[in-house]
Amino acid sequence: MLKQEIGAFEAKTYFSKLLLEVALGKEIIITKHHHKVAKLIPFQKKGGTVVETIAAIRNLRKGITLGKKLNIKAMKEMGRK
């Protein structure tokens, strides 16, 4: 009954069944007048906790500097010119 592509009217009628299919990992494309308009895909949590996100940002920052010649004071002066 459920297929990979489904019309908008049929999707409305069987929405709760479609959600069950998507929860099991299936991707469903919704069409309107035979044109693809939407895609139902399983939700995937991105990232982790706040602590994990902060740790990831700190790891990205390691080794990134303004360089030896540039500092905040010099950048302020450059912006004033």
C-alpha atoms as a PDB file:
ATOM      1  CA  MET A   1       0.000   0.000   0.000  1.00  0.00           C
ATOM      2  CA  LEU A   2       2.713   2.504   0.965  1.00  0.00           C
ATOM      3  CA  LYS A   3       5.151   3.336  -1.787  1.00  0.00           C
ATOM      4  CA  GLN A   4       8.234   5.484  -2.094  1.00  0.00           C
ATOM      5  CA  GLU A   5       6.330   8.258  -3.909  1.00  0.00           C
ATOM      6  CA  ILE A   6       2.852   9.275  -2.839  1.00  0.00           C
ATOM      7  CA  GLY A   7       0.438  11.992  -3.937  1.00  0.00           C
ATOM      8  CA  ALA A   8      -0.387  14.882  -1.602  1.00  0.00           C
ATOM      9  CA  PHE A   9      -4.034  13.865  -1.164  1.00  0.00           C
ATOM     10  CA  GLU A  10      -3.101  10.260  -0.359  1.00  0.00           C
ATOM     11  CA  ALA A  11      -0.319  11.457   1.970  1.00  0.00           C
ATOM     12  CA  LYS A  12      -2.867  13.507   3.901  1.00  0.00           C
ATOM     13  CA  THR A  13      -5.144  10.492   4.184  1.00  0.00           C
ATOM     14  CA  TYR A  14      -2.412   8.108   5.395  1.00  0.00           C
ATOM     15  CA  PHE A  15      -0.145  10.591   7.217  1.00  0.00           C
ATOM     16  CA  SER A  16       0.129   8.633  10.484  1.00  0.00           C
ATOM     17  CA  LYS A  17       1.035   5.456   8.561  1.00  0.00           C
ATOM     18  CA  LEU A  18       3.627   7.396   6.598  1.00  0.00           C
ATOM     19  CA  LEU A  19       5.165   8.644   9.833  1.00  0.00           C
ATOM     20  CA  LEU A  20       5.496   5.060  11.047  1.00  0.00           C
ATOM     21  CA  GLU A  21       7.264   4.105   7.824  1.00  0.00           C
ATOM     22  CA  VAL A  22       9.599   7.091   8.113  1.00  0.00           C
ATOM     23  CA  ALA A  23      10.340   6.234  11.747  1.00  0.00           C
ATOM     24  CA  LEU A  24      11.520   2.840  10.502  1.00  0.00           C
ATOM     25  CA  GLY A  25      14.000   4.529   8.171  1.00  0.00           C
ATOM     26  CA  LYS A  26      12.071   4.809   4.904  1.00  0.00           C
ATOM     27  CA  GLU A  27      12.182   8.026   2.867  1.00  0.00           C
ATOM     28  CA  ILE A  28       8.944   9.085   1.203  1.00  0.00           C
ATOM     29  CA  ILE A  29       8.540  11.657  -1.556  1.00  0.00           C
ATOM     30  CA  ILE A  30       5.270  13.585  -1.731  1.00  0.00           C
ATOM     31  CA  THR A  31       4.088  14.715  -5.142  1.00  0.00           C
ATOM     32  CA  LYS A  32       1.469  17.159  -6.317  1.00  0.00           C
ATOM     33  CA  HIS A  33       0.224  16.801  -9.888  1.00  0.00           C
ATOM     34  CA  HIS A  34       3.129  14.397 -10.538  1.00  0.00           C
ATOM     35  CA  HIS A  35       5.755  16.945  -9.433  1.00  0.00           C
ATOM     36  CA  LYS A  36       7.927  16.218  -6.419  1.00  0.00           C
ATOM     37  CA  VAL A  37       7.240  18.818  -3.723  1.00  0.00           C
ATOM     38  CA  ALA A  38       8.404  17.348  -0.398  1.00  0.00           C
ATOM     39  CA  LYS A  39      10.385  14.537   1.159  1.00  0.00           C
ATOM     40  CA  LEU A  40       9.705  12.860   4.495  1.00  0.00           C
ATOM     41  CA  ILE A  41      12.930  11.611   6.035  1.00  0.00           C
ATOM     42  CA  PRO A  42      13.787  10.196   9.460  1.00  0.00           C
ATOM     43  CA  PHE A  43      14.832  12.790  12.041  1.00  0.00           C
ATOM     44  CA  GLN A  44      18.494  12.631  12.913  1.00  0.00           C
ATOM     45  CA  LYS A  45      19.772  14.433  15.958  1.00  0.00           C
ATOM     46  CA  LYS A  46      22.726  16.600  15.088  1.00  0.00           C
ATOM     47  CA  GLY A  47      25.448  17.257  17.584  1.00  0.00           C
ATOM     48  CA  GLY A  48      25.323  16.347  21.204  1.00  0.00           C
ATOM     49  CA  THR A  49      24.944  18.017  24.546  1.00  0.00           C
ATOM     50  CA  VAL A  50      25.933  21.600  25.209  1.00  0.00           C
ATOM     51  CA  VAL A  51      29.130  20.426  26.882  1.00  0.00           C
ATOM     52  CA  GLU A  52      30.035  18.303  23.837  1.00  0.00           C
ATOM     53  CA  THR A  53      29.318  21.224  21.503  1.00  0.00           C
ATOM     54  CA  ILE A  54      31.518  23.583  23.518  1.00  0.00           C
ATOM     55  CA  ALA A  55      34.305  21.008  23.553  1.00  0.00           C
ATOM     56  CA  ALA A  56      34.017  20.658  19.754  1.00  0.00           C
ATOM     57  CA  ILE A  57      34.239  24.435  19.306  1.00  0.00           C
ATOM     58  CA  ARG A  58      37.319  24.598  21.535  1.00  0.00           C
ATOM     59  CA  ASN A  59      38.969  21.840  19.492  1.00  0.00           C
ATOM     60  CA  LEU A  60      38.275  23.777  16.304  1.00  0.00           C
ATOM     61  CA  ARG A  61      39.835  26.908  17.786  1.00  0.00           C
ATOM     62  CA  LYS A  62      43.097  25.168  18.680  1.00  0.00           C
ATOM     63  CA  GLY A  63      45.889  26.383  16.491  1.00  0.00           C
ATOM     64  CA  ILE A  64      43.903  29.265  14.996  1.00  0.00           C
ATOM     65  CA  THR A  65      45.562  32.581  15.746  1.00  0.00           C
ATOM     66  CA  LEU A  66      45.514  36.099  14.385  1.00  0.00           C
ATOM     67  CA  GLY A  67      49.162  35.756  13.581  1.00  0.00           C
ATOM     68  CA  LYS A  68      52.162  37.325  15.242  1.00  0.00           C
ATOM     69  CA  LYS A  69      51.786  40.680  13.485  1.00  0.00           C
ATOM     70  CA  LEU A  70      48.070  41.171  14.138  1.00  0.00           C
ATOM     71  CA  ASN A  71      46.467  41.663  17.480  1.00  0.00           C
ATOM     72  CA  ILE A  72      43.191  43.151  18.688  1.00  0.00           C
ATOM     73  CA  LYS A  73      44.676  46.609  19.243  1.00  0.00           C
ATOM     74  CA  ALA A  74      46.162  46.660  15.743  1.00  0.00           C
ATOM     75  CA  MET A  75      42.865  45.517  14.260  1.00  0.00           C
ATOM     76  CA  LYS A  76      41.032  48.365  16.044  1.00  0.00           C
ATOM     77  CA  GLU A  77      43.494  50.852  14.605  1.00  0.00           C
ATOM     78  CA  MET A  78      43.080  49.391  11.102  1.00  0.00           C
ATOM     79  CA  GLY A  79      39.311  49.801  11.396  1.00  0.00           C
ATOM     80  CA  ARG A  80      39.622  53.465  12.361  1.00  0.00           C
ATOM     81  CA  LYS A  81      41.545  54.398   9.218  1.00  0.00           C
END
